[in-house]
Amino acid sequence: MTSDAAGAWKQWHEHRTETVSAPYGPLALTGTHWLEDRPDGRLPGIPGTWVLDGDAVVLTAPTDGRNGLTVDGKPFTGEIRLGVDTGPVSAARVGLGERRLAVLIREGAWCVRDYDPDSAAHRAFRGVETTPYDPRFSVPGRFTPYEMWRVVRVGTADGVERGLGLSGELAFQVDGSDLTLQVAVQDDGRLWAVFADSTSGDSSYRFRFLYPAAPDAEGRTTVDFNRAVLPLCAFAEHFICPFPPPGNTLGLAIEAGERTLRQVGR
C-alpha cells in the first residue's frame, strides 16, 4: 500500500511541476493592476485605457494600429466591453504579443493581470524543493461542518486584510498529537486549508495550502501533508494569497510536501 501511495504521489508531484512551470502558470504573472487605483485608466506598460463601467471593463485602444493589442487573436483598435475572463489564462481575450491580459474581480474589486511567459520568474525557476513521500504525514481525518458558514478577516500577501470563508473544522493526529485546521469547502467538494507549522519561514515557505479530498457522508477524509503545496504568491508576488486564519499554525514540524522554490541564485 505504501509503495502504491508513493507511486501515486510521484505522479502527482510530476504533474504539479508541469502545471506551475507552464507558459501561463503562476510564474508568468508580472502584475496585478487594480482599476480603482488607476482612475485615469492607464496601466503601467500596457497600451490603451481600462475603465470600469458597471459590470464590464471598457478597453479603449489607439486607432493608429501600432498599439500591439489583440482581442480574440486579432489586432484591436477602438473600444470594447470586457467581462471577467473565466477560462485558463492562455484563453484570456486580450493579448499583447505573447502576454495575456486577464480581467478578474475579487471581493467586488476589478483588476487586470499581466501574464508573460518570458517573465524573470520563469527564467529563474529551477523547480520546487519537495520532501520525498513519507507515510507518517498521511493520516485519517474527520471534517465537522460549522452550523453556519464563517468569514474571518485575515492578512493577505499584498498587505491588505480580506475575508476568508471557512466551512468547518478538520481533526486529525500526527505523531500522537491531536490537531485541527479550519477549512473551506470548495465547489468540487474538496477541502482547502491555509496553514503554517514550525518549519514555516525557515525550511519551508511562510505558509502553505492543503487540499484534502471531499469527505464522505460521515466526514471522513485523508489529511496528506505530502501533497501540501506552495501558495501562488510563492511563485509571483502579485498574487493575493490569504495568510493562515487563527488556529491554523500547527505547533510541530510538517516536514513533507512542497517546501520552497529552487531558483537561479538560491
C-alpha atoms as a PDB file:
ATOM      1  CA  MET A   1       0.000   0.000   0.000  1.00  0.00           C
ATOM      2  CA  THR A   2       2.791   2.390   0.881  1.00  0.00           C
ATOM      3  CA  SER A   3       4.554   1.751  -2.438  1.00  0.00           C
ATOM      4  CA  ASP A   4       1.264   2.378  -4.303  1.00  0.00           C
ATOM      5  CA  ALA A   5       0.766   5.611  -2.355  1.00  0.00           C
ATOM      6  CA  ALA A   6       4.337   6.676  -3.063  1.00  0.00           C
ATOM      7  CA  GLY A   7       3.889   5.945  -6.763  1.00  0.00           C
ATOM      8  CA  ALA A   8       0.668   7.967  -6.893  1.00  0.00           C
ATOM      9  CA  TRP A   9       2.414  10.805  -5.068  1.00  0.00           C
ATOM     10  CA  LYS A  10       5.276  10.738  -7.595  1.00  0.00           C
ATOM     11  CA  GLN A  11       2.808  11.129 -10.471  1.00  0.00           C
ATOM     12  CA  TRP A  12       1.059  13.937  -8.610  1.00  0.00           C
ATOM     13  CA  HIS A  13       4.376  15.720  -8.000  1.00  0.00           C
ATOM     14  CA  GLU A  14       5.415  15.459 -11.660  1.00  0.00           C
ATOM     15  CA  HIS A  15       2.048  16.821 -12.814  1.00  0.00           C
ATOM     16  CA  ARG A  16       2.238  19.617 -10.266  1.00  0.00           C
ATOM     17  CA  THR A  17       5.691  20.670 -11.537  1.00  0.00           C
ATOM     18  CA  GLU A  18       4.406  20.730 -15.122  1.00  0.00           C
ATOM     19  CA  THR A  19       1.440  22.853 -14.054  1.00  0.00           C
ATOM     20  CA  VAL A  20       3.367  25.545 -12.162  1.00  0.00           C
ATOM     21  CA  SER A  21       6.016  25.808 -14.889  1.00  0.00           C
ATOM     22  CA  ALA A  22       3.535  26.030 -17.794  1.00  0.00           C
ATOM     23  CA  PRO A  23       3.895  29.102 -20.049  1.00  0.00           C
ATOM     24  CA  TYR A  24       0.904  30.844 -18.437  1.00  0.00           C
ATOM     25  CA  GLY A  25       1.251  29.276 -14.999  1.00  0.00           C
ATOM     26  CA  PRO A  26       1.810  31.281 -11.803  1.00  0.00           C
ATOM     27  CA  LEU A  27       5.429  32.079 -12.683  1.00  0.00           C
ATOM     28  CA  ALA A  28       4.167  34.169 -15.618  1.00  0.00           C
ATOM     29  CA  LEU A  29       2.279  36.746 -13.531  1.00  0.00           C
ATOM     30  CA  THR A  30       4.115  40.075 -13.694  1.00  0.00           C
ATOM     31  CA  GLY A  31       1.442  42.474 -12.476  1.00  0.00           C
ATOM     32  CA  THR A  32      -1.991  42.802 -10.870  1.00  0.00           C
ATOM     33  CA  HIS A  33      -3.454  46.229 -11.644  1.00  0.00           C
ATOM     34  CA  TRP A  34      -6.481  47.268  -9.557  1.00  0.00           C
ATOM     35  CA  LEU A  35      -8.655  49.587 -11.618  1.00  0.00           C
ATOM     36  CA  GLU A  36      -9.849  51.533  -8.570  1.00  0.00           C
ATOM     37  CA  ASP A  37      -6.224  52.608  -8.114  1.00  0.00           C
ATOM     38  CA  ARG A  38      -5.990  53.780 -11.742  1.00  0.00           C
ATOM     39  CA  PRO A  39      -8.724  56.424 -12.181  1.00  0.00           C
ATOM     40  CA  ASP A  40      -7.201  57.576 -15.485  1.00  0.00           C
ATOM     41  CA  GLY A  41      -7.417  54.021 -16.842  1.00  0.00           C
ATOM     42  CA  ARG A  42      -3.716  53.872 -17.618  1.00  0.00           C
ATOM     43  CA  LEU A  43      -1.937  50.659 -16.628  1.00  0.00           C
ATOM     44  CA  PRO A  44       1.881  50.588 -16.456  1.00  0.00           C
ATOM     45  CA  GLY A  45       3.453  49.048 -19.541  1.00  0.00           C
ATOM     46  CA  ILE A  46       0.070  48.283 -21.141  1.00  0.00           C
ATOM     47  CA  PRO A  47      -1.412  50.282 -24.054  1.00  0.00           C
ATOM     48  CA  GLY A  48      -4.868  51.804 -24.079  1.00  0.00           C
ATOM     49  CA  THR A  49      -7.179  52.832 -21.250  1.00  0.00           C
ATOM     50  CA  TRP A  50      -9.011  50.376 -18.996  1.00  0.00           C
ATOM     51  CA  VAL A  51     -12.056  51.880 -17.262  1.00  0.00           C
ATOM     52  CA  LEU A  52     -14.656  50.120 -15.128  1.00  0.00           C
ATOM     53  CA  ASP A  53     -18.201  50.745 -16.360  1.00  0.00           C
ATOM     54  CA  GLY A  54     -20.853  48.871 -14.398  1.00  0.00           C
ATOM     55  CA  ASP A  55     -20.438  45.148 -14.963  1.00  0.00           C
ATOM     56  CA  ALA A  56     -17.636  45.415 -17.517  1.00  0.00           C
ATOM     57  CA  VAL A  57     -14.262  46.946 -18.237  1.00  0.00           C
ATOM     58  CA  VAL A  58     -14.156  49.275 -21.234  1.00  0.00           C
ATOM     59  CA  LEU A  59     -10.880  48.955 -23.122  1.00  0.00           C
ATOM     60  CA  THR A  60     -10.122  51.800 -25.492  1.00  0.00           C
ATOM     61  CA  ALA A  61      -7.118  51.335 -27.747  1.00  0.00           C
ATOM     62  CA  PRO A  62      -5.370  53.853 -30.017  1.00  0.00           C
ATOM     63  CA  THR A  63      -6.569  53.735 -33.613  1.00  0.00           C
ATOM     64  CA  ASP A  64      -3.120  54.080 -35.141  1.00  0.00           C
ATOM     65  CA  GLY A  65      -2.840  50.296 -35.449  1.00  0.00           C
ATOM     66  CA  ARG A  66       0.509  50.204 -33.650  1.00  0.00           C
ATOM     67  CA  ASN A  67      -0.625  49.525 -30.072  1.00  0.00           C
ATOM     68  CA  GLY A  68       0.125  45.781 -30.288  1.00  0.00           C
ATOM     69  CA  LEU A  69      -3.109  44.739 -28.551  1.00  0.00           C
ATOM     70  CA  THR A  70      -5.169  41.821 -29.799  1.00  0.00           C
ATOM     71  CA  VAL A  71      -8.678  40.721 -28.857  1.00  0.00           C
ATOM     72  CA  ASP A  72      -9.662  37.126 -29.577  1.00  0.00           C
ATOM     73  CA  GLY A  73      -6.408  36.765 -31.503  1.00  0.00           C
ATOM     74  CA  LYS A  74      -6.989  39.693 -33.878  1.00  0.00           C
ATOM     75  CA  PRO A  75      -5.353  43.168 -33.875  1.00  0.00           C
ATOM     76  CA  PHE A  76      -7.532  45.578 -31.950  1.00  0.00           C
ATOM     77  CA  THR A  77      -8.279  49.283 -32.140  1.00  0.00           C
ATOM     78  CA  GLY A  78     -11.265  51.255 -30.931  1.00  0.00           C
ATOM     79  CA  GLU A  79     -13.425  50.308 -27.936  1.00  0.00           C
ATOM     80  CA  ILE A  80     -14.749  47.074 -26.433  1.00  0.00           C
ATOM     81  CA  ARG A  81     -16.525  45.987 -23.243  1.00  0.00           C
ATOM     82  CA  LEU A  82     -14.803  43.121 -21.439  1.00  0.00           C
ATOM     83  CA  GLY A  83     -16.263  40.808 -18.826  1.00  0.00           C
ATOM     84  CA  VAL A  84     -14.360  38.592 -16.416  1.00  0.00           C
ATOM     85  CA  ASP A  85     -12.066  36.003 -18.006  1.00  0.00           C
ATOM     86  CA  THR A  86     -13.347  32.701 -16.614  1.00  0.00           C
ATOM     87  CA  GLY A  87     -11.221  30.224 -18.554  1.00  0.00           C
ATOM     88  CA  PRO A  88      -7.498  29.453 -18.485  1.00  0.00           C
ATOM     89  CA  VAL A  89      -5.104  32.384 -18.724  1.00  0.00           C
ATOM     90  CA  SER A  90      -4.000  31.228 -22.183  1.00  0.00           C
ATOM     91  CA  ALA A  91      -7.579  31.865 -23.351  1.00  0.00           C
ATOM     92  CA  ALA A  92      -7.811  35.438 -21.993  1.00  0.00           C
ATOM     93  CA  ARG A  93      -9.416  37.626 -24.651  1.00  0.00           C
ATOM     94  CA  VAL A  94      -6.788  40.379 -24.670  1.00  0.00           C
ATOM     95  CA  GLY A  95      -3.177  39.787 -25.672  1.00  0.00           C
ATOM     96  CA  LEU A  96      -0.069  41.875 -26.120  1.00  0.00           C
ATOM     97  CA  GLY A  97       2.388  39.815 -28.103  1.00  0.00           C
ATOM     98  CA  GLU A  98       2.824  36.603 -26.112  1.00  0.00           C
ATOM     99  CA  ARG A  99       1.476  38.282 -22.971  1.00  0.00           C
ATOM    100  CA  ARG A 100      -2.093  37.696 -21.796  1.00  0.00           C
ATOM    101  CA  LEU A 101      -4.105  40.407 -20.018  1.00  0.00           C
ATOM    102  CA  ALA A 102      -6.786  38.727 -17.901  1.00  0.00           C
ATOM    103  CA  VAL A 103      -9.727  40.623 -16.390  1.00  0.00           C
ATOM    104  CA  LEU A 104     -10.685  39.447 -12.882  1.00  0.00           C
ATOM    105  CA  ILE A 105     -12.833  40.525  -9.947  1.00  0.00           C
ATOM    106  CA  ARG A 106     -12.081  39.923  -6.259  1.00  0.00           C
ATOM    107  CA  GLU A 107     -14.496  40.939  -3.489  1.00  0.00           C
ATOM    108  CA  GLY A 108     -16.121  43.407  -5.881  1.00  0.00           C
ATOM    109  CA  ALA A 109     -12.812  44.960  -6.990  1.00  0.00           C
ATOM    110  CA  TRP A 110     -11.816  44.639 -10.657  1.00  0.00           C
ATOM    111  CA  CYS A 111      -8.262  44.142 -11.863  1.00  0.00           C
ATOM    112  CA  VAL A 112      -6.210  43.289 -14.909  1.00  0.00           C
ATOM    113  CA  ARG A 113      -3.496  40.675 -14.521  1.00  0.00           C
ATOM    114  CA  ASP A 114      -0.497  40.681 -16.844  1.00  0.00           C
ATOM    115  CA  TYR A 115       0.948  37.237 -17.665  1.00  0.00           C
ATOM    116  CA  ASP A 116       4.244  36.994 -19.538  1.00  0.00           C
ATOM    117  CA  PRO A 117       5.678  33.543 -20.387  1.00  0.00           C
ATOM    118  CA  ASP A 118       9.103  35.207 -20.638  1.00  0.00           C
ATOM    119  CA  SER A 119       8.943  36.615 -17.097  1.00  0.00           C
ATOM    120  CA  ALA A 120      12.046  36.857 -14.921  1.00  0.00           C
ATOM    121  CA  ALA A 121      10.494  34.306 -12.529  1.00  0.00           C
ATOM    122  CA  HIS A 122      10.101  31.832 -15.394  1.00  0.00           C
ATOM    123  CA  ARG A 123      13.721  32.272 -16.412  1.00  0.00           C
ATOM    124  CA  ALA A 124      14.952  31.831 -12.828  1.00  0.00           C
ATOM    125  CA  PHE A 125      12.803  28.803 -11.990  1.00  0.00           C
ATOM    126  CA  ARG A 126      14.683  25.564 -11.305  1.00  0.00           C
ATOM    127  CA  GLY A 127      11.932  23.532  -9.669  1.00  0.00           C
ATOM    128  CA  VAL A 128      10.219  23.169  -6.300  1.00  0.00           C
ATOM    129  CA  GLU A 129      12.039  21.797  -3.270  1.00  0.00           C
ATOM    130  CA  THR A 130       9.810  18.906  -2.213  1.00  0.00           C
ATOM    131  CA  THR A 131      10.301  16.354   0.561  1.00  0.00           C
ATOM    132  CA  PRO A 132      10.143  12.694  -0.583  1.00  0.00           C
ATOM    133  CA  TYR A 133       6.948  10.831   0.275  1.00  0.00           C
ATOM    134  CA  ASP A 134       6.643   9.944   3.960  1.00  0.00           C
ATOM    135  CA  PRO A 135       3.635   7.809   5.053  1.00  0.00           C
ATOM    136  CA  ARG A 136       3.861   9.315   8.548  1.00  0.00           C
ATOM    137  CA  PHE A 137       2.309  12.514   7.190  1.00  0.00           C
ATOM    138  CA  SER A 138      -0.697  10.848   5.537  1.00  0.00           C
ATOM    139  CA  VAL A 139      -3.312  10.287   8.238  1.00  0.00           C
ATOM    140  CA  PRO A 140      -7.086   9.847   8.627  1.00  0.00           C
ATOM    141  CA  GLY A 141      -9.075  12.995   9.269  1.00  0.00           C
ATOM    142  CA  ARG A 142     -12.650  13.909  10.133  1.00  0.00           C
ATOM    143  CA  PHE A 143     -14.432  17.025   8.920  1.00  0.00           C
ATOM    144  CA  THR A 144     -17.101  18.662  11.084  1.00  0.00           C
ATOM    145  CA  PRO A 145     -19.022  21.490   9.395  1.00  0.00           C
ATOM    146  CA  TYR A 146     -19.909  24.630  11.305  1.00  0.00           C
ATOM    147  CA  GLU A 147     -23.582  25.299  11.920  1.00  0.00           C
ATOM    148  CA  MET A 148     -23.127  28.445   9.843  1.00  0.00           C
ATOM    149  CA  TRP A 149     -20.522  29.393   7.271  1.00  0.00           C
ATOM    150  CA  ARG A 150     -17.992  31.844   8.758  1.00  0.00           C
ATOM    151  CA  VAL A 151     -15.927  34.655   7.311  1.00  0.00           C
ATOM    152  CA  VAL A 152     -12.801  35.777   9.155  1.00  0.00           C
ATOM    153  CA  ARG A 153     -10.587  38.714   8.236  1.00  0.00           C
ATOM    154  CA  VAL A 154      -7.017  37.719   7.529  1.00  0.00           C
ATOM    155  CA  GLY A 155      -3.977  39.460   6.121  1.00  0.00           C
ATOM    156  CA  THR A 156      -3.041  38.735   2.524  1.00  0.00           C
ATOM    157  CA  ALA A 157       0.220  38.716   0.609  1.00  0.00           C
ATOM    158  CA  ASP A 158      -0.298  42.240  -0.752  1.00  0.00           C
ATOM    159  CA  GLY A 159      -0.703  43.720   2.743  1.00  0.00           C
ATOM    160  CA  VAL A 160      -4.498  44.133   2.578  1.00  0.00           C
ATOM    161  CA  GLU A 161      -6.883  42.447   5.032  1.00  0.00           C
ATOM    162  CA  ARG A 162      -9.620  40.450   3.300  1.00  0.00           C
ATOM    163  CA  GLY A 163     -12.348  37.978   4.159  1.00  0.00           C
ATOM    164  CA  LEU A 164     -11.613  34.229   4.205  1.00  0.00           C
ATOM    165  CA  GLY A 165     -14.642  31.928   4.151  1.00  0.00           C
ATOM    166  CA  LEU A 166     -14.485  28.890   6.455  1.00  0.00           C
ATOM    167  CA  SER A 167     -16.849  25.934   6.403  1.00  0.00           C
ATOM    168  CA  GLY A 168     -15.759  23.722   9.284  1.00  0.00           C
ATOM    169  CA  GLU A 169     -13.010  22.023  11.250  1.00  0.00           C
ATOM    170  CA  LEU A 170     -10.764  19.161  10.177  1.00  0.00           C
ATOM    171  CA  ALA A 171      -9.434  16.998  13.049  1.00  0.00           C
ATOM    172  CA  PHE A 172      -6.552  14.523  12.770  1.00  0.00           C
ATOM    173  CA  GLN A 173      -3.472  13.182  14.546  1.00  0.00           C
ATOM    174  CA  VAL A 174       0.215  13.401  13.624  1.00  0.00           C
ATOM    175  CA  ASP A 175       2.754  11.570  15.796  1.00  0.00           C
ATOM    176  CA  GLY A 176       0.171  11.203  18.559  1.00  0.00           C
ATOM    177  CA  SER A 177      -0.688  14.907  18.660  1.00  0.00           C
ATOM    178  CA  ASP A 178      -4.354  15.888  18.258  1.00  0.00           C
ATOM    179  CA  LEU A 179      -4.554  18.679  15.682  1.00  0.00           C
ATOM    180  CA  THR A 180      -7.223  20.709  13.922  1.00  0.00           C
ATOM    181  CA  LEU A 181      -7.398  23.039  10.944  1.00  0.00           C
ATOM    182  CA  GLN A 182     -10.139  25.437   9.949  1.00  0.00           C
ATOM    183  CA  VAL A 183     -11.016  24.671   6.330  1.00  0.00           C
ATOM    184  CA  ALA A 184     -13.196  25.813   3.461  1.00  0.00           C
ATOM    185  CA  VAL A 185     -15.253  23.529   1.220  1.00  0.00           C
ATOM    186  CA  GLN A 186     -14.655  24.175  -2.471  1.00  0.00           C
ATOM    187  CA  ASP A 187     -17.185  23.898  -5.289  1.00  0.00           C
ATOM    188  CA  ASP A 188     -15.934  20.387  -6.154  1.00  0.00           C
ATOM    189  CA  GLY A 189     -16.308  19.208  -2.555  1.00  0.00           C
ATOM    190  CA  ARG A 190     -12.607  19.190  -1.733  1.00  0.00           C
ATOM    191  CA  LEU A 191     -11.418  20.908   1.398  1.00  0.00           C
ATOM    192  CA  TRP A 192      -8.931  23.787   1.438  1.00  0.00           C
ATOM    193  CA  ALA A 193      -6.699  24.688   4.351  1.00  0.00           C
ATOM    194  CA  VAL A 194      -4.241  27.569   4.673  1.00  0.00           C
ATOM    195  CA  PHE A 195      -1.727  26.500   7.307  1.00  0.00           C
ATOM    196  CA  ALA A 196       1.683  27.130   8.801  1.00  0.00           C
ATOM    197  CA  ASP A 197       3.861  24.975  11.047  1.00  0.00           C
ATOM    198  CA  SER A 198       7.149  25.198  12.932  1.00  0.00           C
ATOM    199  CA  THR A 199       9.140  24.974   9.664  1.00  0.00           C
ATOM    200  CA  SER A 200       7.313  27.934   8.088  1.00  0.00           C
ATOM    201  CA  GLY A 201       9.608  30.810   7.198  1.00  0.00           C
ATOM    202  CA  ASP A 202      12.629  28.602   7.909  1.00  0.00           C
ATOM    203  CA  SER A 203      12.982  25.383   5.913  1.00  0.00           C
ATOM    204  CA  SER A 204       9.655  25.943   4.143  1.00  0.00           C
ATOM    205  CA  TYR A 205       7.711  28.901   2.762  1.00  0.00           C
ATOM    206  CA  ARG A 206       5.958  31.064   5.364  1.00  0.00           C
ATOM    207  CA  PHE A 207       2.655  29.196   4.846  1.00  0.00           C
ATOM    208  CA  ARG A 208       1.238  26.518   2.584  1.00  0.00           C
ATOM    209  CA  PHE A 209      -2.034  25.181   1.168  1.00  0.00           C
ATOM    210  CA  LEU A 210      -3.570  21.715   1.582  1.00  0.00           C
ATOM    211  CA  TYR A 211      -6.482  20.238  -0.400  1.00  0.00           C
ATOM    212  CA  PRO A 212      -7.870  17.076   1.268  1.00  0.00           C
ATOM    213  CA  ALA A 213     -10.364  15.021  -0.730  1.00  0.00           C
ATOM    214  CA  ALA A 214     -14.091  15.605  -0.306  1.00  0.00           C
ATOM    215  CA  PRO A 215     -15.229  14.000   2.959  1.00  0.00           C
ATOM    216  CA  ASP A 216     -17.626  11.043   2.863  1.00  0.00           C
ATOM    217  CA  ALA A 217     -21.094  11.105   4.448  1.00  0.00           C
ATOM    218  CA  GLU A 218     -19.538  10.625   7.895  1.00  0.00           C
ATOM    219  CA  GLY A 219     -16.953  13.373   7.400  1.00  0.00           C
ATOM    220  CA  ARG A 220     -14.010  11.041   6.828  1.00  0.00           C
ATOM    221  CA  THR A 221     -11.149  12.047   4.552  1.00  0.00           C
ATOM    222  CA  THR A 222      -7.359  11.750   4.354  1.00  0.00           C
ATOM    223  CA  VAL A 223      -5.048  14.511   5.538  1.00  0.00           C
ATOM    224  CA  ASP A 224      -1.960  14.013   3.372  1.00  0.00           C
ATOM    225  CA  PHE A 225       0.697  16.643   4.003  1.00  0.00           C
ATOM    226  CA  ASN A 226       2.842  15.008   1.332  1.00  0.00           C
ATOM    227  CA  ARG A 227       0.593  16.968  -1.016  1.00  0.00           C
ATOM    228  CA  ALA A 228       0.942  20.290   0.758  1.00  0.00           C
ATOM    229  CA  VAL A 229       1.658  22.923  -1.894  1.00  0.00           C
ATOM    230  CA  LEU A 230       3.182  26.365  -2.072  1.00  0.00           C
ATOM    231  CA  PRO A 231       0.651  29.188  -2.412  1.00  0.00           C
ATOM    232  CA  LEU A 232       0.569  31.096  -5.692  1.00  0.00           C
ATOM    233  CA  CYS A 233       2.289  34.092  -4.095  1.00  0.00           C
ATOM    234  CA  ALA A 234       5.409  31.936  -3.631  1.00  0.00           C
ATOM    235  CA  PHE A 235       5.736  31.945  -7.413  1.00  0.00           C
ATOM    236  CA  ALA A 236       4.846  35.589  -8.078  1.00  0.00           C
ATOM    237  CA  GLU A 237       4.420  38.448  -5.607  1.00  0.00           C
ATOM    238  CA  HIS A 238       1.401  39.807  -7.490  1.00  0.00           C
ATOM    239  CA  PHE A 239      -0.973  37.114  -6.184  1.00  0.00           C
ATOM    240  CA  ILE A 240      -3.078  37.981  -3.121  1.00  0.00           C
ATOM    241  CA  CYS A 241      -2.907  34.723  -1.134  1.00  0.00           C
ATOM    242  CA  PRO A 242      -4.555  34.727   2.313  1.00  0.00           C
ATOM    243  CA  PHE A 243      -2.470  34.090   5.410  1.00  0.00           C
ATOM    244  CA  PRO A 244      -3.476  31.273   7.795  1.00  0.00           C
ATOM    245  CA  PRO A 245      -6.537  32.073   9.928  1.00  0.00           C
ATOM    246  CA  PRO A 246      -6.280  31.932  13.736  1.00  0.00           C
ATOM    247  CA  GLY A 247      -5.634  28.380  14.935  1.00  0.00           C
ATOM    248  CA  ASN A 248      -4.095  27.157  11.669  1.00  0.00           C
ATOM    249  CA  THR A 249      -0.457  27.442  12.761  1.00  0.00           C
ATOM    250  CA  LEU A 250       0.487  23.928  13.868  1.00  0.00           C
ATOM    251  CA  GLY A 251       2.937  23.537  16.728  1.00  0.00           C
ATOM    252  CA  LEU A 252       5.032  20.814  15.113  1.00  0.00           C
ATOM    253  CA  ALA A 253       7.243  20.382  12.068  1.00  0.00           C
ATOM    254  CA  ILE A 254       5.382  19.284   8.923  1.00  0.00           C
ATOM    255  CA  GLU A 255       8.444  18.102   7.011  1.00  0.00           C
ATOM    256  CA  ALA A 256       6.505  16.990   3.974  1.00  0.00           C
ATOM    257  CA  GLY A 257       5.221  18.274   0.661  1.00  0.00           C
ATOM    258  CA  GLU A 258       6.420  21.318  -1.237  1.00  0.00           C
ATOM    259  CA  ARG A 259       8.806  23.469   0.782  1.00  0.00           C
ATOM    260  CA  THR A 260      10.399  26.289  -1.232  1.00  0.00           C
ATOM    261  CA  LEU A 261      11.283  27.289  -4.799  1.00  0.00           C
ATOM    262  CA  ARG A 262      14.570  26.438  -6.444  1.00  0.00           C
ATOM    263  CA  GLN A 263      15.720  29.457  -8.409  1.00  0.00           C
ATOM    264  CA  VAL A 264      18.890  30.789 -10.008  1.00  0.00           C
ATOM    265  CA  GLY A 265      20.965  32.462  -7.306  1.00  0.00           C
ATOM    266  CA  ARG A 266      19.427  30.500  -4.446  1.00  0.00           C
END
